[in-house]
Amino acid sequence: MSTDPATGAVTGEPSDAVAAHSSICYGNPAEPDFGARLDITIEGVSPPLTVSSDGQCRQQDVAGLVGSRQQSCGFTLLPDFGRGLTGGQVTLNGLVPVDDPAGSDNSAIWSTGLLGSIAPR
């Protein structure tokens, strides 16, 4: 198996489709708790649905792990009733290098929950 560096899709998996594109702007990651801004574009609907959200992140040391910290972030997606989105949540959990909240030391798990029909209207 190999991984597409542009999408993160693994060959041989059920789908190479990209579910979303996103970016995060971190506040002050020198603090254990800090704010962040998420911009996410949900693919699979036409036209794609773009939502922004202010959220909160937390980093903490992991016993026995040098140079990395565990990071968790949560973002609430506000309604876009014109597109059928009644709300949602995005969470991000993973290991990041110390002093690099946007980096990745292993893997990150993104979970996205959307409420509503999210269909073009």
PDB file of N, CA and C in Angstrom:
ATOM      1  N   MET A   1       0.824  -1.177   0.000  1.00  0.00           N
ATOM      2  CA  MET A   1       0.000   0.000   0.000  1.00  0.00           C
ATOM      3  C   MET A   1       0.867   1.238   0.000  1.00  0.00           C
ATOM      4  N   SER A   2       0.332   2.300  -0.589  1.00  0.00           N
ATOM      5  CA  SER A   2       1.014   3.585  -0.559  1.00  0.00           C
ATOM      6  C   SER A   2      -0.006   4.675  -0.248  1.00  0.00           C
ATOM      7  N   THR A   3       0.495   5.824   0.157  1.00  0.00           N
ATOM      8  CA  THR A   3      -0.372   6.943   0.513  1.00  0.00           C
ATOM      9  C   THR A   3      -0.154   8.090  -0.462  1.00  0.00           C
ATOM     10  N   ASP A   4      -1.231   8.634  -0.969  1.00  0.00           N
ATOM     11  CA  ASP A   4      -1.169   9.799  -1.845  1.00  0.00           C
ATOM     12  C   ASP A   4      -0.833  11.013  -0.984  1.00  0.00           C
ATOM     13  N   PRO A   5       0.318  11.682  -1.200  1.00  0.00           N
ATOM     14  CA  PRO A   5       0.697  12.808  -0.347  1.00  0.00           C
ATOM     15  C   PRO A   5      -0.249  13.999  -0.456  1.00  0.00           C
ATOM     16  N   ALA A   6      -0.974  14.134  -1.542  1.00  0.00           N
ATOM     17  CA  ALA A   6      -1.878  15.274  -1.712  1.00  0.00           C
ATOM     18  C   ALA A   6      -3.188  15.091  -0.957  1.00  0.00           C
ATOM     19  N   THR A   7      -3.690  13.850  -0.898  1.00  0.00           N
ATOM     20  CA  THR A   7      -5.010  13.621  -0.294  1.00  0.00           C
ATOM     21  C   THR A   7      -4.952  12.804   0.987  1.00  0.00           C
ATOM     22  N   GLY A   8      -3.877  12.066   1.203  1.00  0.00           N
ATOM     23  CA  GLY A   8      -3.803  11.174   2.354  1.00  0.00           C
ATOM     24  C   GLY A   8      -4.506   9.852   2.118  1.00  0.00           C
ATOM     25  N   ALA A   9      -5.089   9.670   0.933  1.00  0.00           N
ATOM     26  CA  ALA A   9      -5.796   8.424   0.635  1.00  0.00           C
ATOM     27  C   ALA A   9      -4.805   7.273   0.503  1.00  0.00           C
ATOM     28  N   VAL A  10      -5.193   6.127   1.027  1.00  0.00           N
ATOM     29  CA  VAL A  10      -4.368   4.933   0.972  1.00  0.00           C
ATOM     30  C   VAL A  10      -4.886   4.061  -0.164  1.00  0.00           C
ATOM     31  N   THR A  11      -3.996   3.664  -1.070  1.00  0.00           N
ATOM     32  CA  THR A  11      -4.428   2.793  -2.157  1.00  0.00           C
ATOM     33  C   THR A  11      -4.914   1.474  -1.572  1.00  0.00           C
ATOM     34  N   GLY A  12      -5.911   0.928  -2.190  1.00  0.00           N
ATOM     35  CA  GLY A  12      -6.465  -0.325  -1.700  1.00  0.00           C
ATOM     36  C   GLY A  12      -7.551  -0.125  -0.665  1.00  0.00           C
ATOM     37  N   GLU A  13      -7.745   1.084  -0.195  1.00  0.00           N
ATOM     38  CA  GLU A  13      -8.831   1.367   0.740  1.00  0.00           C
ATOM     39  C   GLU A  13     -10.130   1.458  -0.051  1.00  0.00           C
ATOM     40  N   PRO A  14     -11.269   1.496   0.621  1.00  0.00           N
ATOM     41  CA  PRO A  14     -12.541   1.522  -0.111  1.00  0.00           C
ATOM     42  C   PRO A  14     -12.709   2.705  -1.053  1.00  0.00           C
ATOM     43  N   SER A  15     -12.089   3.864  -0.750  1.00  0.00           N
ATOM     44  CA  SER A  15     -12.290   5.024  -1.608  1.00  0.00           C
ATOM     45  C   SER A  15     -11.073   5.929  -1.561  1.00  0.00           C
ATOM     46  N   ASP A  16     -10.736   6.498  -2.708  1.00  0.00           N
ATOM     47  CA  ASP A  16      -9.686   7.515  -2.766  1.00  0.00           C
ATOM     48  C   ASP A  16     -10.290   8.913  -2.719  1.00  0.00           C
ATOM     49  N   ALA A  17     -11.600   9.008  -2.506  1.00  0.00           N
ATOM     50  CA  ALA A  17     -12.287  10.296  -2.526  1.00  0.00           C
ATOM     51  C   ALA A  17     -11.864  11.150  -1.333  1.00  0.00           C
ATOM     52  N   VAL A  18     -11.760  12.434  -1.557  1.00  0.00           N
ATOM     53  CA  VAL A  18     -11.463  13.394  -0.500  1.00  0.00           C
ATOM     54  C   VAL A  18     -12.788  13.898   0.049  1.00  0.00           C
ATOM     55  N   ALA A  19     -12.985  13.761   1.351  1.00  0.00           N
ATOM     56  CA  ALA A  19     -14.241  14.167   1.975  1.00  0.00           C
ATOM     57  C   ALA A  19     -14.292  15.662   2.237  1.00  0.00           C
ATOM     58  N   ALA A  20     -13.118  16.264   2.542  1.00  0.00           N
ATOM     59  CA  ALA A  20     -13.105  17.684   2.889  1.00  0.00           C
ATOM     60  C   ALA A  20     -11.697  18.241   2.755  1.00  0.00           C
ATOM     61  N   HIS A  21     -11.630  19.534   2.591  1.00  0.00           N
ATOM     62  CA  HIS A  21     -10.377  20.281   2.654  1.00  0.00           C
ATOM     63  C   HIS A  21     -10.518  21.234   3.830  1.00  0.00           C
ATOM     64  N   SER A  22      -9.458  21.397   4.613  1.00  0.00           N
ATOM     65  CA  SER A  22      -9.575  22.266   5.771  1.00  0.00           C
ATOM     66  C   SER A  22      -8.263  22.960   6.076  1.00  0.00           C
ATOM     67  N   SER A  23      -8.377  24.025   6.833  1.00  0.00           N
ATOM     68  CA  SER A  23      -7.199  24.706   7.361  1.00  0.00           C
ATOM     69  C   SER A  23      -7.537  25.203   8.756  1.00  0.00           C
ATOM     70  N   ILE A  24      -6.506  25.252   9.602  1.00  0.00           N
ATOM     71  CA  ILE A  24      -6.673  25.720  10.973  1.00  0.00           C
ATOM     72  C   ILE A  24      -5.655  26.810  11.238  1.00  0.00           C
ATOM     73  N   CYS A  25      -6.123  27.900  11.836  1.00  0.00           N
ATOM     74  CA  CYS A  25      -5.250  28.971  12.288  1.00  0.00           C
ATOM     75  C   CYS A  25      -5.251  28.915  13.819  1.00  0.00           C
ATOM     76  N   TYR A  26      -4.076  28.628  14.397  1.00  0.00           N
ATOM     77  CA  TYR A  26      -3.965  28.461  15.839  1.00  0.00           C
ATOM     78  C   TYR A  26      -3.718  29.793  16.526  1.00  0.00           C
ATOM     79  N   GLY A  27      -4.298  29.964  17.734  1.00  0.00           N
ATOM     80  CA  GLY A  27      -4.095  31.160  18.541  1.00  0.00           C
ATOM     81  C   GLY A  27      -2.710  31.158  19.165  1.00  0.00           C
ATOM     82  N   ASN A  28      -2.612  30.987  20.470  1.00  0.00           N
ATOM     83  CA  ASN A  28      -1.342  30.997  21.181  1.00  0.00           C
ATOM     84  C   ASN A  28      -1.040  29.595  21.705  1.00  0.00           C
ATOM     85  N   PRO A  29      -0.401  28.745  20.893  1.00  0.00           N
ATOM     86  CA  PRO A  29      -0.162  27.357  21.323  1.00  0.00           C
ATOM     87  C   PRO A  29       0.889  27.213  22.412  1.00  0.00           C
ATOM     88  N   ALA A  30       1.457  28.328  22.897  1.00  0.00           N
ATOM     89  CA  ALA A  30       2.385  28.243  24.028  1.00  0.00           C
ATOM     90  C   ALA A  30       1.631  27.941  25.319  1.00  0.00           C
ATOM     91  N   GLU A  31       0.327  28.194  25.336  1.00  0.00           N
ATOM     92  CA  GLU A  31      -0.516  27.892  26.492  1.00  0.00           C
ATOM     93  C   GLU A  31      -1.091  26.483  26.346  1.00  0.00           C
ATOM     94  N   PRO A  32      -1.412  25.820  27.468  1.00  0.00           N
ATOM     95  CA  PRO A  32      -2.019  24.488  27.357  1.00  0.00           C
ATOM     96  C   PRO A  32      -3.370  24.514  26.633  1.00  0.00           C
ATOM     97  N   ASP A  33      -4.162  25.556  26.857  1.00  0.00           N
ATOM     98  CA  ASP A  33      -5.447  25.732  26.189  1.00  0.00           C
ATOM     99  C   ASP A  33      -5.362  26.975  25.317  1.00  0.00           C
ATOM    100  N   PHE A  34      -5.810  26.872  24.076  1.00  0.00           N
ATOM    101  CA  PHE A  34      -5.736  28.018  23.177  1.00  0.00           C
ATOM    102  C   PHE A  34      -6.825  27.926  22.113  1.00  0.00           C
ATOM    103  N   GLY A  35      -7.190  29.078  21.586  1.00  0.00           N
ATOM    104  CA  GLY A  35      -8.207  29.144  20.554  1.00  0.00           C
ATOM    105  C   GLY A  35      -7.646  28.804  19.187  1.00  0.00           C
ATOM    106  N   ALA A  36      -8.551  28.482  18.283  1.00  0.00           N
ATOM    107  CA  ALA A  36      -8.174  28.165  16.909  1.00  0.00           C
ATOM    108  C   ALA A  36      -9.365  28.480  16.006  1.00  0.00           C
ATOM    109  N   ARG A  37      -9.085  28.678  14.738  1.00  0.00           N
ATOM    110  CA  ARG A  37     -10.110  28.959  13.728  1.00  0.00           C
ATOM    111  C   ARG A  37     -10.021  27.891  12.641  1.00  0.00           C
ATOM    112  N   LEU A  38     -11.139  27.253  12.354  1.00  0.00           N
ATOM    113  CA  LEU A  38     -11.224  26.205  11.338  1.00  0.00           C
ATOM    114  C   LEU A  38     -12.003  26.717  10.140  1.00  0.00           C
ATOM    115  N   ASP A  39     -11.462  26.505   8.955  1.00  0.00           N
ATOM    116  CA  ASP A  39     -12.187  26.688   7.703  1.00  0.00           C
ATOM    117  C   ASP A  39     -12.211  25.320   7.041  1.00  0.00           C
ATOM    118  N   ILE A  40     -13.415  24.816   6.755  1.00  0.00           N
ATOM    119  CA  ILE A  40     -13.536  23.478   6.169  1.00  0.00           C
ATOM    120  C   ILE A  40     -14.505  23.528   4.994  1.00  0.00           C
ATOM    121  N   THR A  41     -14.118  22.863   3.915  1.00  0.00           N
ATOM    122  CA  THR A  41     -14.964  22.738   2.736  1.00  0.00           C
ATOM    123  C   THR A  41     -15.341  21.267   2.593  1.00  0.00           C
ATOM    124  N   ILE A  42     -16.620  20.992   2.719  1.00  0.00           N
ATOM    125  CA  ILE A  42     -17.147  19.631   2.623  1.00  0.00           C
ATOM    126  C   ILE A  42     -17.389  19.318   1.149  1.00  0.00           C
ATOM    127  N   GLU A  43     -16.738  18.269   0.669  1.00  0.00           N
ATOM    128  CA  GLU A  43     -16.925  17.822  -0.713  1.00  0.00           C
ATOM    129  C   GLU A  43     -18.108  16.853  -0.758  1.00  0.00           C
ATOM    130  N   GLY A  44     -18.507  16.455  -1.932  1.00  0.00           N
ATOM    131  CA  GLY A  44     -19.570  15.470  -2.068  1.00  0.00           C
ATOM    132  C   GLY A  44     -20.948  16.080  -2.239  1.00  0.00           C
ATOM    133  N   VAL A  45     -21.052  17.388  -2.102  1.00  0.00           N
ATOM    134  CA  VAL A  45     -22.280  18.101  -2.432  1.00  0.00           C
ATOM    135  C   VAL A  45     -21.913  19.134  -3.483  1.00  0.00           C
ATOM    136  N   SER A  46     -22.886  19.532  -4.258  1.00  0.00           N
ATOM    137  CA  SER A  46     -22.590  20.467  -5.336  1.00  0.00           C
ATOM    138  C   SER A  46     -23.466  21.699  -5.183  1.00  0.00           C
ATOM    139  N   PRO A  47     -22.858  22.866  -5.017  1.00  0.00           N
ATOM    140  CA  PRO A  47     -21.426  23.113  -4.883  1.00  0.00           C
ATOM    141  C   PRO A  47     -20.941  22.692  -3.495  1.00  0.00           C
ATOM    142  N   PRO A  48     -19.616  22.517  -3.320  1.00  0.00           N
ATOM    143  CA  PRO A  48     -19.080  22.163  -2.012  1.00  0.00           C
ATOM    144  C   PRO A  48     -19.514  23.178  -0.948  1.00  0.00           C
ATOM    145  N   LEU A  49     -19.667  22.704   0.278  1.00  0.00           N
ATOM    146  CA  LEU A  49     -20.130  23.519   1.396  1.00  0.00           C
ATOM    147  C   LEU A  49     -18.943  23.967   2.233  1.00  0.00           C
ATOM    148  N   THR A  50     -18.753  25.278   2.361  1.00  0.00           N
ATOM    149  CA  THR A  50     -17.651  25.817   3.162  1.00  0.00           C
ATOM    150  C   THR A  50     -18.211  26.424   4.442  1.00  0.00           C
ATOM    151  N   VAL A  51     -17.606  26.041   5.582  1.00  0.00           N
ATOM    152  CA  VAL A  51     -18.040  26.511   6.895  1.00  0.00           C
ATOM    153  C   VAL A  51     -16.804  26.923   7.682  1.00  0.00           C
ATOM    154  N   SER A  52     -16.932  27.980   8.491  1.00  0.00           N
ATOM    155  CA  SER A  52     -15.852  28.415   9.381  1.00  0.00           C
ATOM    156  C   SER A  52     -16.332  28.307  10.821  1.00  0.00           C
ATOM    157  N   SER A  53     -15.384  28.100  11.737  1.00  0.00           N
ATOM    158  CA  SER A  53     -15.747  27.958  13.140  1.00  0.00           C
ATOM    159  C   SER A  53     -14.586  28.341  14.032  1.00  0.00           C
ATOM    160  N   ASP A  54     -14.882  29.063  15.105  1.00  0.00           N
ATOM    161  CA  ASP A  54     -13.898  29.294  16.153  1.00  0.00           C
ATOM    162  C   ASP A  54     -14.020  28.152  17.144  1.00  0.00           C
ATOM    163  N   GLY A  55     -12.894  27.605  17.572  1.00  0.00           N
ATOM    164  CA  GLY A  55     -12.920  26.470  18.480  1.00  0.00           C
ATOM    165  C   GLY A  55     -11.846  26.575  19.538  1.00  0.00           C
ATOM    166  N   GLN A  56     -11.632  25.478  20.223  1.00  0.00           N
ATOM    167  CA  GLN A  56     -10.688  25.429  21.331  1.00  0.00           C
ATOM    168  C   GLN A  56      -9.794  24.202  21.181  1.00  0.00           C
ATOM    169  N   CYS A  57      -8.502  24.382  21.497  1.00  0.00           N
ATOM    170  CA  CYS A  57      -7.538  23.285  21.455  1.00  0.00           C
ATOM    171  C   CYS A  57      -6.868  23.151  22.821  1.00  0.00           C
ATOM    172  N   ARG A  58      -6.368  21.978  23.070  1.00  0.00           N
ATOM    173  CA  ARG A  58      -5.611  21.708  24.289  1.00  0.00           C
ATOM    174  C   ARG A  58      -4.455  20.792  23.935  1.00  0.00           C
ATOM    175  N   GLN A  59      -3.282  21.119  24.492  1.00  0.00           N
ATOM    176  CA  GLN A  59      -2.110  20.261  24.341  1.00  0.00           C
ATOM    177  C   GLN A  59      -1.644  19.834  25.727  1.00  0.00           C
ATOM    178  N   GLN A  60      -1.130  18.614  25.801  1.00  0.00           N
ATOM    179  CA  GLN A  60      -0.566  18.143  27.060  1.00  0.00           C
ATOM    180  C   GLN A  60       0.562  17.164  26.790  1.00  0.00           C
ATOM    181  N   ASP A  61       1.494  17.115  27.724  1.00  0.00           N
ATOM    182  CA  ASP A  61       2.615  16.183  27.614  1.00  0.00           C
ATOM    183  C   ASP A  61       2.118  14.757  27.776  1.00  0.00           C
ATOM    184  N   VAL A  62       2.822  13.835  27.158  1.00  0.00           N
ATOM    185  CA  VAL A  62       2.516  12.414  27.261  1.00  0.00           C
ATOM    186  C   VAL A  62       3.685  11.759  27.981  1.00  0.00           C
ATOM    187  N   ALA A  63       3.407  11.069  29.068  1.00  0.00           N
ATOM    188  CA  ALA A  63       4.461  10.434  29.857  1.00  0.00           C
ATOM    189  C   ALA A  63       5.310   9.517  28.982  1.00  0.00           C
ATOM    190  N   GLY A  64       6.629   9.698  29.057  1.00  0.00           N
ATOM    191  CA  GLY A  64       7.566   8.850  28.334  1.00  0.00           C
ATOM    192  C   GLY A  64       7.765   9.229  26.878  1.00  0.00           C
ATOM    193  N   LEU A  65       7.100  10.254  26.401  1.00  0.00           N
ATOM    194  CA  LEU A  65       7.212  10.668  25.012  1.00  0.00           C
ATOM    195  C   LEU A  65       7.925  12.022  24.963  1.00  0.00           C
ATOM    196  N   VAL A  66       9.130  12.027  24.404  1.00  0.00           N
ATOM    197  CA  VAL A  66       9.940  13.245  24.347  1.00  0.00           C
ATOM    198  C   VAL A  66       9.772  13.902  22.981  1.00  0.00           C
ATOM    199  N   GLY A  67       9.562  15.203  22.969  1.00  0.00           N
ATOM    200  CA  GLY A  67       9.493  15.949  21.720  1.00  0.00           C
ATOM    201  C   GLY A  67       8.113  16.029  21.104  1.00  0.00           C
ATOM    202  N   SER A  68       7.134  15.362  21.691  1.00  0.00           N
ATOM    203  CA  SER A  68       5.769  15.369  21.163  1.00  0.00           C
ATOM    204  C   SER A  68       4.780  15.672  22.275  1.00  0.00           C
ATOM    205  N   ARG A  69       3.644  16.199  21.867  1.00  0.00           N
ATOM    206  CA  ARG A  69       2.545  16.455  22.793  1.00  0.00           C
ATOM    207  C   ARG A  69       1.264  15.928  22.171  1.00  0.00           C
ATOM    208  N   GLN A  70       0.311  15.570  23.013  1.00  0.00           N
ATOM    209  CA  GLN A  70      -1.005  15.167  22.544  1.00  0.00           C
ATOM    210  C   GLN A  70      -1.837  16.437  22.378  1.00  0.00           C
ATOM    211  N   GLN A  71      -2.545  16.553  21.244  1.00  0.00           N
ATOM    212  CA  GLN A  71      -3.367  17.730  20.974  1.00  0.00           C
ATOM    213  C   GLN A  71      -4.786  17.307  20.626  1.00  0.00           C
ATOM    214  N   SER A  72      -5.751  18.010  21.201  1.00  0.00           N
ATOM    215  CA  SER A  72      -7.162  17.813  20.880  1.00  0.00           C
ATOM    216  C   SER A  72      -7.780  19.162  20.580  1.00  0.00           C
ATOM    217  N   CYS A  73      -8.594  19.227  19.531  1.00  0.00           N
ATOM    218  CA  CYS A  73      -9.287  20.456  19.163  1.00  0.00           C
ATOM    219  C   CYS A  73     -10.750  20.128  18.876  1.00  0.00           C
ATOM    220  N   GLY A  74     -11.621  21.060  19.184  1.00  0.00           N
ATOM    221  CA  GLY A  74     -13.041  20.898  18.903  1.00  0.00           C
ATOM    222  C   GLY A  74     -13.624  22.154  18.283  1.00  0.00           C
ATOM    223  N   PHE A  75     -14.478  21.965  17.286  1.00  0.00           N
ATOM    224  CA  PHE A  75     -15.098  23.077  16.567  1.00  0.00           C
ATOM    225  C   PHE A  75     -16.579  22.773  16.347  1.00  0.00           C
ATOM    226  N   THR A  76     -17.440  23.734  16.651  1.00  0.00           N
ATOM    227  CA  THR A  76     -18.869  23.603  16.411  1.00  0.00           C
ATOM    228  C   THR A  76     -19.198  24.245  15.073  1.00  0.00           C
ATOM    229  N   LEU A  77     -19.900  23.515  14.225  1.00  0.00           N
ATOM    230  CA  LEU A  77     -20.321  24.053  12.938  1.00  0.00           C
ATOM    231  C   LEU A  77     -21.714  24.648  13.093  1.00  0.00           C
ATOM    232  N   LEU A  78     -21.822  25.940  12.831  1.00  0.00           N
ATOM    233  CA  LEU A  78     -23.091  26.633  12.967  1.00  0.00           C
ATOM    234  C   LEU A  78     -23.979  26.366  11.757  1.00  0.00           C
ATOM    235  N   PRO A  79     -25.281  26.552  11.913  1.00  0.00           N
ATOM    236  CA  PRO A  79     -26.210  26.264  10.817  1.00  0.00           C
ATOM    237  C   PRO A  79     -25.974  27.106   9.569  1.00  0.00           C
ATOM    238  N   ASP A  80     -26.239  26.487   8.435  1.00  0.00           N
ATOM    239  CA  ASP A  80     -26.359  27.161   7.153  1.00  0.00           C
ATOM    240  C   ASP A  80     -27.644  26.600   6.551  1.00  0.00           C
ATOM    241  N   PHE A  81     -28.782  27.151   7.014  1.00  0.00           N
ATOM    242  CA  PHE A  81     -30.079  26.579   6.662  1.00  0.00           C
ATOM    243  C   PHE A  81     -30.337  26.613   5.157  1.00  0.00           C
ATOM    244  N   GLY A  82     -29.763  27.572   4.461  1.00  0.00           N
ATOM    245  CA  GLY A  82     -29.928  27.643   3.014  1.00  0.00           C
ATOM    246  C   GLY A  82     -29.341  26.444   2.291  1.00  0.00           C
ATOM    247  N   ARG A  83     -28.360  25.793   2.913  1.00  0.00           N
ATOM    248  CA  ARG A  83     -27.738  24.604   2.309  1.00  0.00           C
ATOM    249  C   ARG A  83     -28.181  23.318   3.000  1.00  0.00           C
ATOM    250  N   GLY A  84     -29.042  23.413   4.018  1.00  0.00           N
ATOM    251  CA  GLY A  84     -29.533  22.221   4.691  1.00  0.00           C
ATOM    252  C   GLY A  84     -28.693  21.799   5.889  1.00  0.00           C
ATOM    253  N   LEU A  85     -27.659  22.575   6.249  1.00  0.00           N
ATOM    254  CA  LEU A  85     -26.830  22.251   7.412  1.00  0.00           C
ATOM    255  C   LEU A  85     -27.490  22.835   8.649  1.00  0.00           C
ATOM    256  N   THR A  86     -27.894  21.974   9.575  1.00  0.00           N
ATOM    257  CA  THR A  86     -28.515  22.460  10.809  1.00  0.00           C
ATOM    258  C   THR A  86     -27.511  22.537  11.952  1.00  0.00           C
ATOM    259  N   GLY A  87     -26.300  22.031  11.746  1.00  0.00           N
ATOM    260  CA  GLY A  87     -25.238  22.102  12.751  1.00  0.00           C
ATOM    261  C   GLY A  87     -24.257  20.970  12.565  1.00  0.00           C
ATOM    262  N   GLY A  88     -23.246  20.943  13.410  1.00  0.00           N
ATOM    263  CA  GLY A  88     -22.272  19.868  13.324  1.00  0.00           C
ATOM    264  C   GLY A  88     -21.097  20.091  14.257  1.00  0.00           C
ATOM    265  N   GLN A  89     -20.152  19.177  14.199  1.00  0.00           N
ATOM    266  CA  GLN A  89     -18.980  19.197  15.075  1.00  0.00           C
ATOM    267  C   GLN A  89     -17.798  18.612  14.324  1.00  0.00           C
ATOM    268  N   VAL A  90     -16.620  19.221  14.496  1.00  0.00           N
ATOM    269  CA  VAL A  90     -15.369  18.676  13.976  1.00  0.00           C
ATOM    270  C   VAL A  90     -14.417  18.548  15.149  1.00  0.00           C
ATOM    271  N   THR A  91     -13.808  17.386  15.314  1.00  0.00           N
ATOM    272  CA  THR A  91     -12.790  17.193  16.347  1.00  0.00           C
ATOM    273  C   THR A  91     -11.513  16.697  15.686  1.00  0.00           C
ATOM    274  N   LEU A  92     -10.397  17.047  16.287  1.00  0.00           N
ATOM    275  CA  LEU A  92      -9.075  16.659  15.807  1.00  0.00           C
ATOM    276  C   LEU A  92      -8.272  16.190  17.006  1.00  0.00           C
ATOM    277  N   ASN A  93      -7.704  14.986  16.926  1.00  0.00           N
ATOM    278  CA  ASN A  93      -6.882  14.430  17.995  1.00  0.00           C
ATOM    279  C   ASN A  93      -5.644  13.797  17.386  1.00  0.00           C
ATOM    280  N   GLY A  94      -4.477  14.081  17.974  1.00  0.00           N
ATOM    281  CA  GLY A  94      -3.259  13.481  17.464  1.00  0.00           C
ATOM    282  C   GLY A  94      -2.038  13.934  18.232  1.00  0.00           C
ATOM    283  N   LEU A  95      -0.885  13.460  17.787  1.00  0.00           N
ATOM    284  CA  LEU A  95       0.391  13.859  18.371  1.00  0.00           C
ATOM    285  C   LEU A  95       1.027  14.912  17.486  1.00  0.00           C
ATOM    286  N   VAL A  96       1.523  15.973  18.115  1.00  0.00           N
ATOM    287  CA  VAL A  96       2.178  17.047  17.386  1.00  0.00           C
ATOM    288  C   VAL A  96       3.548  17.297  17.992  1.00  0.00           C
ATOM    289  N   PRO A  97       4.491  17.806  17.209  1.00  0.00           N
ATOM    290  CA  PRO A  97       5.787  18.184  17.769  1.00  0.00           C
ATOM    291  C   PRO A  97       5.609  19.328  18.776  1.00  0.00           C
ATOM    292  N   VAL A  98       6.448  19.344  19.797  1.00  0.00           N
ATOM    293  CA  VAL A  98       6.433  20.457  20.736  1.00  0.00           C
ATOM    294  C   VAL A  98       6.672  21.739  19.949  1.00  0.00           C
ATOM    295  N   ASP A  99       5.907  22.774  20.212  1.00  0.00           N
ATOM    296  CA  ASP A  99       6.014  24.083  19.553  1.00  0.00           C
ATOM    297  C   ASP A  99       5.617  24.059  18.080  1.00  0.00           C
ATOM    298  N   ASP A 100       4.877  23.058  17.620  1.00  0.00           N
ATOM    299  CA  ASP A 100       4.391  23.037  16.241  1.00  0.00           C
ATOM    300  C   ASP A 100       2.987  22.431  16.212  1.00  0.00           C
ATOM    301  N   PRO A 101       1.954  23.220  16.563  1.00  0.00           N
ATOM    302  CA  PRO A 101       0.600  22.674  16.635  1.00  0.00           C
ATOM    303  C   PRO A 101       0.056  22.206  15.291  1.00  0.00           C
ATOM    304  N   ALA A 102       0.626  22.687  14.192  1.00  0.00           N
ATOM    305  CA  ALA A 102       0.156  22.282  12.869  1.00  0.00           C
ATOM    306  C   ALA A 102       0.916  21.071  12.332  1.00  0.00           C
ATOM    307  N   GLY A 103       1.935  20.625  13.060  1.00  0.00           N
ATOM    308  CA  GLY A 103       2.720  19.481  12.617  1.00  0.00           C
ATOM    309  C   GLY A 103       2.048  18.172  12.993  1.00  0.00           C
ATOM    310  N   SER A 104       2.648  17.089  12.595  1.00  0.00           N
ATOM    311  CA  SER A 104       2.143  15.761  12.947  1.00  0.00           C
ATOM    312  C   SER A 104       3.317  14.852  13.241  1.00  0.00           C
ATOM    313  N   ASP A 105       3.277  14.203  14.403  1.00  0.00           N
ATOM    314  CA  ASP A 105       4.342  13.280  14.782  1.00  0.00           C
ATOM    315  C   ASP A 105       3.982  11.829  14.514  1.00  0.00           C
ATOM    316  N   ASN A 106       2.812  11.577  14.081  1.00  0.00           N
ATOM    317  CA  ASN A 106       2.418  10.204  13.813  1.00  0.00           C
ATOM    318  C   ASN A 106       1.183  10.244  12.953  1.00  0.00           C
ATOM    319  N   SER A 107       0.053  10.422  13.569  1.00  0.00           N
ATOM    320  CA  SER A 107      -1.181  10.506  12.810  1.00  0.00           C
ATOM    321  C   SER A 107      -2.151  11.380  13.579  1.00  0.00           C
ATOM    322  N   ALA A 108      -3.123  11.861  12.879  1.00  0.00           N
ATOM    323  CA  ALA A 108      -4.179  12.643  13.495  1.00  0.00           C
ATOM    324  C   ALA A 108      -5.511  12.061  13.052  1.00  0.00           C
ATOM    325  N   ILE A 109      -6.446  12.065  13.956  1.00  0.00           N
ATOM    326  CA  ILE A 109      -7.780  11.559  13.649  1.00  0.00           C
ATOM    327  C   ILE A 109      -8.731  12.748  13.591  1.00  0.00           C
ATOM    328  N   TRP A 110      -9.339  12.938  12.430  1.00  0.00           N
ATOM    329  CA  TRP A 110     -10.342  13.976  12.247  1.00  0.00           C
ATOM    330  C   TRP A 110     -11.706  13.302  12.263  1.00  0.00           C
ATOM    331  N   SER A 111     -12.617  13.809  13.061  1.00  0.00           N
ATOM    332  CA  SER A 111     -13.995  13.316  13.072  1.00  0.00           C
ATOM    333  C   SER A 111     -14.906  14.481  12.731  1.00  0.00           C
ATOM    334  N   THR A 112     -15.800  14.264  11.782  1.00  0.00           N
ATOM    335  CA  THR A 112     -16.725  15.299  11.361  1.00  0.00           C
ATOM    336  C   THR A 112     -18.141  14.750  11.435  1.00  0.00           C
ATOM    337  N   GLY A 113     -19.000  15.462  12.139  1.00  0.00           N
ATOM    338  CA  GLY A 113     -20.414  15.102  12.219  1.00  0.00           C
ATOM    339  C   GLY A 113     -21.243  16.255  11.693  1.00  0.00           C
ATOM    340  N   LEU A 114     -22.093  15.996  10.713  1.00  0.00           N
ATOM    341  CA  LEU A 114     -22.937  17.025  10.116  1.00  0.00           C
ATOM    342  C   LEU A 114     -24.393  16.676  10.363  1.00  0.00           C
ATOM    343  N   LEU A 115     -25.199  17.689  10.689  1.00  0.00           N
ATOM    344  CA  LEU A 115     -26.622  17.495  10.917  1.00  0.00           C
ATOM    345  C   LEU A 115     -27.401  18.178   9.808  1.00  0.00           C
ATOM    346  N   GLY A 116     -28.361  17.498   9.253  1.00  0.00           N
ATOM    347  CA  GLY A 116     -29.199  18.072   8.212  1.00  0.00           C
ATOM    348  C   GLY A 116     -29.033  17.347   6.892  1.00  0.00           C
ATOM    349  N   SER A 117     -29.792  17.796   5.910  1.00  0.00           N
ATOM    350  CA  SER A 117     -29.780  17.132   4.607  1.00  0.00           C
ATOM    351  C   SER A 117     -28.579  17.564   3.763  1.00  0.00           C
ATOM    352  N   ILE A 118     -28.029  18.743   4.019  1.00  0.00           N
ATOM    353  CA  ILE A 118     -26.867  19.282   3.317  1.00  0.00           C
ATOM    354  C   ILE A 118     -26.985  19.043   1.812  1.00  0.00           C
ATOM    355  N   ALA A 119     -28.084  19.486   1.283  1.00  0.00           N
ATOM    356  CA  ALA A 119     -28.312  19.360  -0.157  1.00  0.00           C
ATOM    357  C   ALA A 119     -28.448  20.764  -0.750  1.00  0.00           C
ATOM    358  N   PRO A 120     -28.051  20.940  -1.998  1.00  0.00           N
ATOM    359  CA  PRO A 120     -28.233  22.244  -2.605  1.00  0.00           C
ATOM    360  C   PRO A 120     -29.703  22.611  -2.655  1.00  0.00           C
ATOM    361  N   ARG A 121     -30.014  23.877  -2.451  1.00  0.00           N
ATOM    362  CA  ARG A 121     -31.416  24.308  -2.477  1.00  0.00           C
ATOM    363  C   ARG A 121     -31.591  25.454  -3.411  1.00  0.00           C
TER     364      ARG A 121
END
